[in-house]
C-alpha cells in the first residue's frame, strides 16, 4: 500500500532576516548561554568573553556591524564544525 503523505514546509521566517539590536542580541545570547552552560559549565568563561567582545563592538561601531560580525562568525564556526 502506497502512503500518500504530504509535507508542507513553511516559507522562510522573515524574522530570521532582520538584524537584532544590541539589547535583543544580548537577551538572546544570555538565554543561549544559560542553556549551553547547564550542559557544558566549563564553557561559561569562554562565552562570557565572547559576549563582552560583542557588546564592546556594538557600543564602538554603528549598527548593524556587531550583528554582521556575529552572523559571519557563526556561519564560519558552523562550517568548520560540519567538516
PDB file of N, CA and C in Angstrom:
ATOM      1  N   UNK A   1       0.865  -1.174   0.000  1.00  0.00           N
ATOM      2  CA  UNK A   1       0.000   0.000   0.000  1.00  0.00           C
ATOM      3  C   UNK A   1       0.906   1.230   0.000  1.00  0.00           C
ATOM      4  N   UNK A   2       0.599   2.148  -0.872  1.00  0.00           N
ATOM      5  CA  UNK A   2       1.393   3.365  -1.011  1.00  0.00           C
ATOM      6  C   UNK A   2       0.886   4.431  -0.049  1.00  0.00           C
ATOM      7  N   UNK A   3       1.810   5.030   0.689  1.00  0.00           N
ATOM      8  CA  UNK A   3       1.462   6.099   1.631  1.00  0.00           C
ATOM      9  C   UNK A   3       1.434   7.426   0.881  1.00  0.00           C
ATOM     10  N   UNK A   4       0.358   8.144   0.995  1.00  0.00           N
ATOM     11  CA  UNK A   4       0.242   9.431   0.285  1.00  0.00           C
ATOM     12  C   UNK A   4       0.315  10.596   1.272  1.00  0.00           C
ATOM     13  N   UNK A   5       1.409  10.634   2.004  1.00  0.00           N
ATOM     14  CA  UNK A   5       1.607  11.699   2.974  1.00  0.00           C
ATOM     15  C   UNK A   5       2.193  12.917   2.279  1.00  0.00           C
ATOM     16  N   UNK A   6       1.655  14.064   2.585  1.00  0.00           N
ATOM     17  CA  UNK A   6       2.184  15.313   2.043  1.00  0.00           C
ATOM     18  C   UNK A   6       2.893  16.077   3.148  1.00  0.00           C
ATOM     19  N   UNK A   7       3.976  16.703   2.772  1.00  0.00           N
ATOM     20  CA  UNK A   7       4.720  17.528   3.715  1.00  0.00           C
ATOM     21  C   UNK A   7       4.694  18.957   3.210  1.00  0.00           C
ATOM     22  N   UNK A   8       4.276  19.860   4.072  1.00  0.00           N
ATOM     23  CA  UNK A   8       4.232  21.276   3.723  1.00  0.00           C
ATOM     24  C   UNK A   8       5.271  22.012   4.555  1.00  0.00           C
ATOM     25  N   UNK A   9       6.178  22.658   3.864  1.00  0.00           N
ATOM     26  CA  UNK A   9       7.218  23.415   4.546  1.00  0.00           C
ATOM     27  C   UNK A   9       6.840  24.886   4.568  1.00  0.00           C
ATOM     28  N   UNK A  10       7.074  25.500   5.696  1.00  0.00           N
ATOM     29  CA  UNK A  10       6.809  26.932   5.799  1.00  0.00           C
ATOM     30  C   UNK A  10       7.835  27.694   4.974  1.00  0.00           C
ATOM     31  N   UNK A  11       7.400  28.831   4.459  1.00  0.00           N
ATOM     32  CA  UNK A  11       8.380  29.687   3.803  1.00  0.00           C
ATOM     33  C   UNK A  11       9.305  30.246   4.879  1.00  0.00           C
ATOM     34  N   UNK A  12      10.407  30.786   4.474  1.00  0.00           N
ATOM     35  CA  UNK A  12      11.386  31.292   5.425  1.00  0.00           C
ATOM     36  C   UNK A  12      10.766  32.341   6.335  1.00  0.00           C
ATOM     37  N   UNK A  13      11.078  32.238   7.590  1.00  0.00           N
ATOM     38  CA  UNK A  13      10.575  33.183   8.583  1.00  0.00           C
ATOM     39  C   UNK A  13      11.262  34.532   8.384  1.00  0.00           C
ATOM     40  N   UNK A  14      10.516  35.594   8.107  1.00  0.00           N
ATOM     41  CA  UNK A  14      11.132  36.905   7.853  1.00  0.00           C
ATOM     42  C   UNK A  14      11.901  37.454   9.052  1.00  0.00           C
ATOM     43  N   UNK A  15      11.586  36.982  10.250  1.00  0.00           N
ATOM     44  CA  UNK A  15      12.313  37.444  11.439  1.00  0.00           C
ATOM     45  C   UNK A  15      13.772  37.022  11.406  1.00  0.00           C
ATOM     46  N   UNK A  16      14.078  35.971  10.651  1.00  0.00           N
ATOM     47  CA  UNK A  16      15.454  35.489  10.574  1.00  0.00           C
ATOM     48  C   UNK A  16      16.330  36.361   9.679  1.00  0.00           C
ATOM     49  N   UNK A  17      15.718  37.280   8.942  1.00  0.00           N
ATOM     50  CA  UNK A  17      16.464  38.120   8.009  1.00  0.00           C
ATOM     51  C   UNK A  17      16.704  39.530   8.524  1.00  0.00           C
ATOM     52  N   UNK A  18      16.251  39.842   9.690  1.00  0.00           N
ATOM     53  CA  UNK A  18      16.487  41.191  10.210  1.00  0.00           C
ATOM     54  C   UNK A  18      17.635  41.150  11.206  1.00  0.00           C
ATOM     55  N   UNK A  19      18.299  42.277  11.335  1.00  0.00           N
ATOM     56  CA  UNK A  19      19.398  42.377  12.292  1.00  0.00           C
ATOM     57  C   UNK A  19      18.847  42.690  13.672  1.00  0.00           C
ATOM     58  N   UNK A  20      19.398  42.053  14.667  1.00  0.00           N
ATOM     59  CA  UNK A  20      18.991  42.322  16.040  1.00  0.00           C
ATOM     60  C   UNK A  20      19.684  43.575  16.550  1.00  0.00           C
ATOM     61  N   UNK A  21      18.998  44.287  17.420  1.00  0.00           N
ATOM     62  CA  UNK A  21      19.642  45.394  18.121  1.00  0.00           C
ATOM     63  C   UNK A  21      20.573  44.786  19.165  1.00  0.00           C
ATOM     64  N   UNK A  22      21.437  45.605  19.729  1.00  0.00           N
ATOM     65  CA  UNK A  22      22.357  45.095  20.754  1.00  0.00           C
ATOM     66  C   UNK A  22      21.603  44.522  21.958  1.00  0.00           C
ATOM     67  N   UNK A  23      20.582  45.218  22.499  1.00  0.00           N
ATOM     68  CA  UNK A  23      19.840  44.614  23.625  1.00  0.00           C
ATOM     69  C   UNK A  23      19.133  43.306  23.247  1.00  0.00           C
ATOM     70  N   UNK A  24      18.584  43.230  22.032  1.00  0.00           N
ATOM     71  CA  UNK A  24      17.926  41.988  21.600  1.00  0.00           C
ATOM     72  C   UNK A  24      18.943  40.850  21.509  1.00  0.00           C
ATOM     73  N   UNK A  25      20.112  41.151  20.949  1.00  0.00           N
ATOM     74  CA  UNK A  25      21.150  40.131  20.840  1.00  0.00           C
ATOM     75  C   UNK A  25      21.605  39.667  22.218  1.00  0.00           C
ATOM     76  N   UNK A  26      21.818  40.638  23.117  1.00  0.00           N
ATOM     77  CA  UNK A  26      22.278  40.290  24.464  1.00  0.00           C
ATOM     78  C   UNK A  26      21.276  39.373  25.160  1.00  0.00           C
ATOM     79  N   UNK A  27      20.003  39.679  25.049  1.00  0.00           N
ATOM     80  CA  UNK A  27      18.975  38.846  25.671  1.00  0.00           C
ATOM     81  C   UNK A  27      18.993  37.433  25.084  1.00  0.00           C
ATOM     82  N   UNK A  28      19.050  37.338  23.760  1.00  0.00           N
ATOM     83  CA  UNK A  28      19.078  36.027  23.109  1.00  0.00           C
ATOM     84  C   UNK A  28      20.341  35.254  23.479  1.00  0.00           C
ATOM     85  N   UNK A  29      21.476  35.945  23.515  1.00  0.00           N
ATOM     86  CA  UNK A  29      22.733  35.264  23.820  1.00  0.00           C
ATOM     87  C   UNK A  29      22.774  34.786  25.264  1.00  0.00           C
ATOM     88  N   UNK A  30      22.249  35.574  26.182  1.00  0.00           N
ATOM     89  CA  UNK A  30      22.221  35.151  27.589  1.00  0.00           C
ATOM     90  C   UNK A  30      21.331  33.920  27.752  1.00  0.00           C
ATOM     91  N   UNK A  31      20.242  33.863  27.019  1.00  0.00           N
ATOM     92  CA  UNK A  31      19.393  32.655  27.055  1.00  0.00           C
ATOM     93  C   UNK A  31      20.171  31.449  26.542  1.00  0.00           C
ATOM     94  N   UNK A  32      20.882  31.645  25.416  1.00  0.00           N
ATOM     95  CA  UNK A  32      21.719  30.583  24.858  1.00  0.00           C
ATOM     96  C   UNK A  32      22.795  30.172  25.865  1.00  0.00           C
ATOM     97  N   UNK A  33      23.442  31.164  26.471  1.00  0.00           N
ATOM     98  CA  UNK A  33      24.496  30.919  27.452  1.00  0.00           C
ATOM     99  C   UNK A  33      23.967  30.087  28.621  1.00  0.00           C
ATOM    100  N   UNK A  34      22.787  30.415  29.107  1.00  0.00           N
ATOM    101  CA  UNK A  34      22.204  29.670  30.232  1.00  0.00           C
ATOM    102  C   UNK A  34      21.954  28.212  29.874  1.00  0.00           C
ATOM    103  N   UNK A  35      21.447  27.970  28.678  1.00  0.00           N
ATOM    104  CA  UNK A  35      21.183  26.595  28.240  1.00  0.00           C
ATOM    105  C   UNK A  35      22.500  25.849  28.024  1.00  0.00           C
ATOM    106  N   UNK A  36      23.420  26.485  27.316  1.00  0.00           N
ATOM    107  CA  UNK A  36      24.696  25.841  26.992  1.00  0.00           C
ATOM    108  C   UNK A  36      25.500  25.502  28.248  1.00  0.00           C
ATOM    109  N   UNK A  37      25.549  26.429  29.195  1.00  0.00           N
ATOM    110  CA  UNK A  37      26.375  26.180  30.383  1.00  0.00           C
ATOM    111  C   UNK A  37      25.719  25.225  31.372  1.00  0.00           C
ATOM    112  N   UNK A  38      24.445  24.958  31.186  1.00  0.00           N
ATOM    113  CA  UNK A  38      23.814  23.923  32.004  1.00  0.00           C
ATOM    114  C   UNK A  38      24.379  22.558  31.627  1.00  0.00           C
ATOM    115  N   UNK A  39      24.657  22.386  30.342  1.00  0.00           N
ATOM    116  CA  UNK A  39      25.209  21.125  29.844  1.00  0.00           C
ATOM    117  C   UNK A  39      26.739  21.142  29.864  1.00  0.00           C
ATOM    118  N   UNK A  40      27.320  22.298  29.552  1.00  0.00           N
ATOM    119  CA  UNK A  40      28.779  22.444  29.480  1.00  0.00           C
ATOM    120  C   UNK A  40      29.225  23.618  30.356  1.00  0.00           C
ATOM    121  N   UNK A  41      29.244  23.444  31.667  1.00  0.00           N
ATOM    122  CA  UNK A  41      29.605  24.555  32.554  1.00  0.00           C
ATOM    123  C   UNK A  41      31.024  25.084  32.320  1.00  0.00           C
ATOM    124  N   UNK A  42      31.884  24.268  31.768  1.00  0.00           N
ATOM    125  CA  UNK A  42      33.261  24.696  31.506  1.00  0.00           C
ATOM    126  C   UNK A  42      33.351  25.763  30.411  1.00  0.00           C
ATOM    127  N   UNK A  43      32.276  25.984  29.668  1.00  0.00           N
ATOM    128  CA  UNK A  43      32.266  26.984  28.584  1.00  0.00           C
ATOM    129  C   UNK A  43      31.837  28.368  29.052  1.00  0.00           C
ATOM    130  N   UNK A  44      31.499  28.526  30.320  1.00  0.00           N
ATOM    131  CA  UNK A  44      30.978  29.801  30.831  1.00  0.00           C
ATOM    132  C   UNK A  44      31.943  30.962  30.600  1.00  0.00           C
ATOM    133  N   UNK A  45      33.198  30.789  30.940  1.00  0.00           N
ATOM    134  CA  UNK A  45      34.175  31.877  30.785  1.00  0.00           C
ATOM    135  C   UNK A  45      34.312  32.256  29.309  1.00  0.00           C
ATOM    136  N   UNK A  46      34.448  31.261  28.452  1.00  0.00           N
ATOM    137  CA  UNK A  46      34.595  31.498  27.013  1.00  0.00           C
ATOM    138  C   UNK A  46      33.400  32.271  26.450  1.00  0.00           C
ATOM    139  N   UNK A  47      32.197  31.862  26.815  1.00  0.00           N
ATOM    140  CA  UNK A  47      31.001  32.525  26.298  1.00  0.00           C
ATOM    141  C   UNK A  47      30.845  33.934  26.859  1.00  0.00           C
ATOM    142  N   UNK A  48      31.206  34.136  28.106  1.00  0.00           N
ATOM    143  CA  UNK A  48      31.162  35.487  28.678  1.00  0.00           C
ATOM    144  C   UNK A  48      32.170  36.412  28.007  1.00  0.00           C
ATOM    145  N   UNK A  49      33.341  35.898  27.681  1.00  0.00           N
ATOM    146  CA  UNK A  49      34.343  36.700  26.968  1.00  0.00           C
ATOM    147  C   UNK A  49      33.805  37.091  25.591  1.00  0.00           C
ATOM    148  N   UNK A  50      33.179  36.144  24.903  1.00  0.00           N
ATOM    149  CA  UNK A  50      32.616  36.444  23.577  1.00  0.00           C
ATOM    150  C   UNK A  50      31.511  37.493  23.690  1.00  0.00           C
ATOM    151  N   UNK A  51      30.629  37.340  24.659  1.00  0.00           N
ATOM    152  CA  UNK A  51      29.550  38.317  24.846  1.00  0.00           C
ATOM    153  C   UNK A  51      30.131  39.698  25.128  1.00  0.00           C
ATOM    154  N   UNK A  52      31.139  39.769  25.960  1.00  0.00           N
ATOM    155  CA  UNK A  52      31.791  41.041  26.263  1.00  0.00           C
ATOM    156  C   UNK A  52      32.386  41.669  25.004  1.00  0.00           C
ATOM    157  N   UNK A  53      33.024  40.855  24.181  1.00  0.00           N
ATOM    158  CA  UNK A  53      33.601  41.331  22.924  1.00  0.00           C
ATOM    159  C   UNK A  53      32.520  41.914  22.013  1.00  0.00           C
ATOM    160  N   UNK A  54      31.411  41.198  21.878  1.00  0.00           N
ATOM    161  CA  UNK A  54      30.323  41.655  21.010  1.00  0.00           C
ATOM    162  C   UNK A  54      29.704  42.938  21.553  1.00  0.00           C
ATOM    163  N   UNK A  55      29.513  43.034  22.856  1.00  0.00           N
ATOM    164  CA  UNK A  55      28.930  44.245  23.452  1.00  0.00           C
ATOM    165  C   UNK A  55      29.853  45.438  23.207  1.00  0.00           C
ATOM    166  N   UNK A  56      31.152  45.257  23.397  1.00  0.00           N
ATOM    167  CA  UNK A  56      32.100  46.346  23.130  1.00  0.00           C
ATOM    168  C   UNK A  56      32.033  46.768  21.666  1.00  0.00           C
ATOM    169  N   UNK A  57      31.958  45.802  20.770  1.00  0.00           N
ATOM    170  CA  UNK A  57      31.858  46.106  19.348  1.00  0.00           C
ATOM    171  C   UNK A  57      30.556  46.853  19.052  1.00  0.00           C
ATOM    172  N   UNK A  58      29.469  46.419  19.682  1.00  0.00           N
ATOM    173  CA  UNK A  58      28.173  47.059  19.475  1.00  0.00           C
ATOM    174  C   UNK A  58      28.132  48.493  19.962  1.00  0.00           C
ATOM    175  N   UNK A  59      28.924  48.805  20.980  1.00  0.00           N
ATOM    176  CA  UNK A  59      28.983  50.167  21.518  1.00  0.00           C
ATOM    177  C   UNK A  59      29.913  51.039  20.670  1.00  0.00           C
ATOM    178  N   UNK A  60      31.012  50.478  20.188  1.00  0.00           N
ATOM    179  CA  UNK A  60      32.014  51.246  19.448  1.00  0.00           C
ATOM    180  C   UNK A  60      31.624  51.542  18.007  1.00  0.00           C
ATOM    181  N   UNK A  61      30.914  50.623  17.366  1.00  0.00           N
ATOM    182  CA  UNK A  61      30.642  50.748  15.940  1.00  0.00           C
ATOM    183  C   UNK A  61      29.144  50.910  15.693  1.00  0.00           C
ATOM    184  N   UNK A  62      28.792  51.549  14.589  1.00  0.00           N
ATOM    185  CA  UNK A  62      27.369  51.768  14.306  1.00  0.00           C
ATOM    186  C   UNK A  62      26.663  50.456  13.960  1.00  0.00           C
ATOM    187  N   UNK A  63      25.378  50.388  14.289  1.00  0.00           N
ATOM    188  CA  UNK A  63      24.608  49.194  13.921  1.00  0.00           C
ATOM    189  C   UNK A  63      24.555  49.083  12.397  1.00  0.00           C
ATOM    190  N   UNK A  64      24.445  47.929  11.860  1.00  0.00           N
ATOM    191  CA  UNK A  64      24.416  46.600  12.477  1.00  0.00           C
ATOM    192  C   UNK A  64      25.761  45.883  12.406  1.00  0.00           C
ATOM    193  N   UNK A  65      26.874  46.595  12.492  1.00  0.00           N
ATOM    194  CA  UNK A  65      28.185  45.956  12.304  1.00  0.00           C
ATOM    195  C   UNK A  65      28.447  44.817  13.279  1.00  0.00           C
ATOM    196  N   UNK A  66      28.085  44.994  14.554  1.00  0.00           N
ATOM    197  CA  UNK A  66      28.341  43.910  15.513  1.00  0.00           C
ATOM    198  C   UNK A  66      27.559  42.663  15.133  1.00  0.00           C
ATOM    199  N   UNK A  67      26.325  42.870  14.625  1.00  0.00           N
ATOM    200  CA  UNK A  67      25.481  41.723  14.293  1.00  0.00           C
ATOM    201  C   UNK A  67      25.956  41.047  13.009  1.00  0.00           C
ATOM    202  N   UNK A  68      26.450  41.826  12.056  1.00  0.00           N
ATOM    203  CA  UNK A  68      27.018  41.236  10.841  1.00  0.00           C
ATOM    204  C   UNK A  68      28.238  40.390  11.203  1.00  0.00           C
ATOM    205  N   UNK A  69      29.072  40.897  12.113  1.00  0.00           N
ATOM    206  CA  UNK A  69      30.226  40.129  12.582  1.00  0.00           C
ATOM    207  C   UNK A  69      29.754  38.820  13.218  1.00  0.00           C
ATOM    208  N   UNK A  70      28.764  38.897  14.087  1.00  0.00           N
ATOM    209  CA  UNK A  70      28.237  37.719  14.782  1.00  0.00           C
ATOM    210  C   UNK A  70      27.720  36.689  13.783  1.00  0.00           C
ATOM    211  N   UNK A  71      26.960  37.133  12.776  1.00  0.00           N
ATOM    212  CA  UNK A  71      26.417  36.201  11.784  1.00  0.00           C
ATOM    213  C   UNK A  71      27.540  35.536  10.991  1.00  0.00           C
ATOM    214  N   UNK A  72      28.545  36.318  10.581  1.00  0.00           N
ATOM    215  CA  UNK A  72      29.668  35.745   9.835  1.00  0.00           C
ATOM    216  C   UNK A  72      30.472  34.777  10.692  1.00  0.00           C
ATOM    217  N   UNK A  73      30.710  35.140  11.940  1.00  0.00           N
ATOM    218  CA  UNK A  73      31.436  34.262  12.860  1.00  0.00           C
ATOM    219  C   UNK A  73      30.675  32.946  13.038  1.00  0.00           C
ATOM    220  N   UNK A  74      29.371  33.031  13.248  1.00  0.00           N
ATOM    221  CA  UNK A  74      28.549  31.826  13.439  1.00  0.00           C
ATOM    222  C   UNK A  74      28.555  30.953  12.194  1.00  0.00           C
ATOM    223  N   UNK A  75      28.472  31.587  11.035  1.00  0.00           N
ATOM    224  CA  UNK A  75      28.475  30.850   9.772  1.00  0.00           C
ATOM    225  C   UNK A  75      29.798  30.097   9.601  1.00  0.00           C
ATOM    226  N   UNK A  76      30.915  30.769   9.871  1.00  0.00           N
ATOM    227  CA  UNK A  76      32.226  30.123   9.737  1.00  0.00           C
ATOM    228  C   UNK A  76      32.394  28.996  10.756  1.00  0.00           C
ATOM    229  N   UNK A  77      31.958  29.228  11.979  1.00  0.00           N
ATOM    230  CA  UNK A  77      32.062  28.193  13.012  1.00  0.00           C
ATOM    231  C   UNK A  77      31.237  26.968  12.638  1.00  0.00           C
ATOM    232  N   UNK A  78      30.036  27.183  12.116  1.00  0.00           N
ATOM    233  CA  UNK A  78      29.184  26.062  11.707  1.00  0.00           C
ATOM    234  C   UNK A  78      29.828  25.285  10.564  1.00  0.00           C
ATOM    235  N   UNK A  79      30.446  25.993   9.626  1.00  0.00           N
ATOM    236  CA  UNK A  79      31.108  25.325   8.504  1.00  0.00           C
ATOM    237  C   UNK A  79      32.275  24.473   8.991  1.00  0.00           C
ATOM    238  N   UNK A  80      33.038  24.994   9.934  1.00  0.00           N
ATOM    239  CA  UNK A  80      34.173  24.237  10.479  1.00  0.00           C
ATOM    240  C   UNK A  80      33.685  22.999  11.228  1.00  0.00           C
ATOM    241  N   UNK A  81      32.619  23.154  12.005  1.00  0.00           N
ATOM    242  CA  UNK A  81      32.102  22.025  12.779  1.00  0.00           C
ATOM    243  C   UNK A  81      31.464  20.958  11.897  1.00  0.00           C
ATOM    244  N   UNK A  82      30.976  21.342  10.718  1.00  0.00           N
ATOM    245  CA  UNK A  82      30.303  20.374   9.849  1.00  0.00           C
ATOM    246  C   UNK A  82      31.289  19.574   9.000  1.00  0.00           C
ATOM    247  N   UNK A  83      32.570  19.938   9.041  1.00  0.00           N
ATOM    248  CA  UNK A  83      33.555  19.189   8.238  1.00  0.00           C
ATOM    249  C   UNK A  83      34.212  18.110   9.051  1.00  0.00           C
TER     250      UNK A  83
END
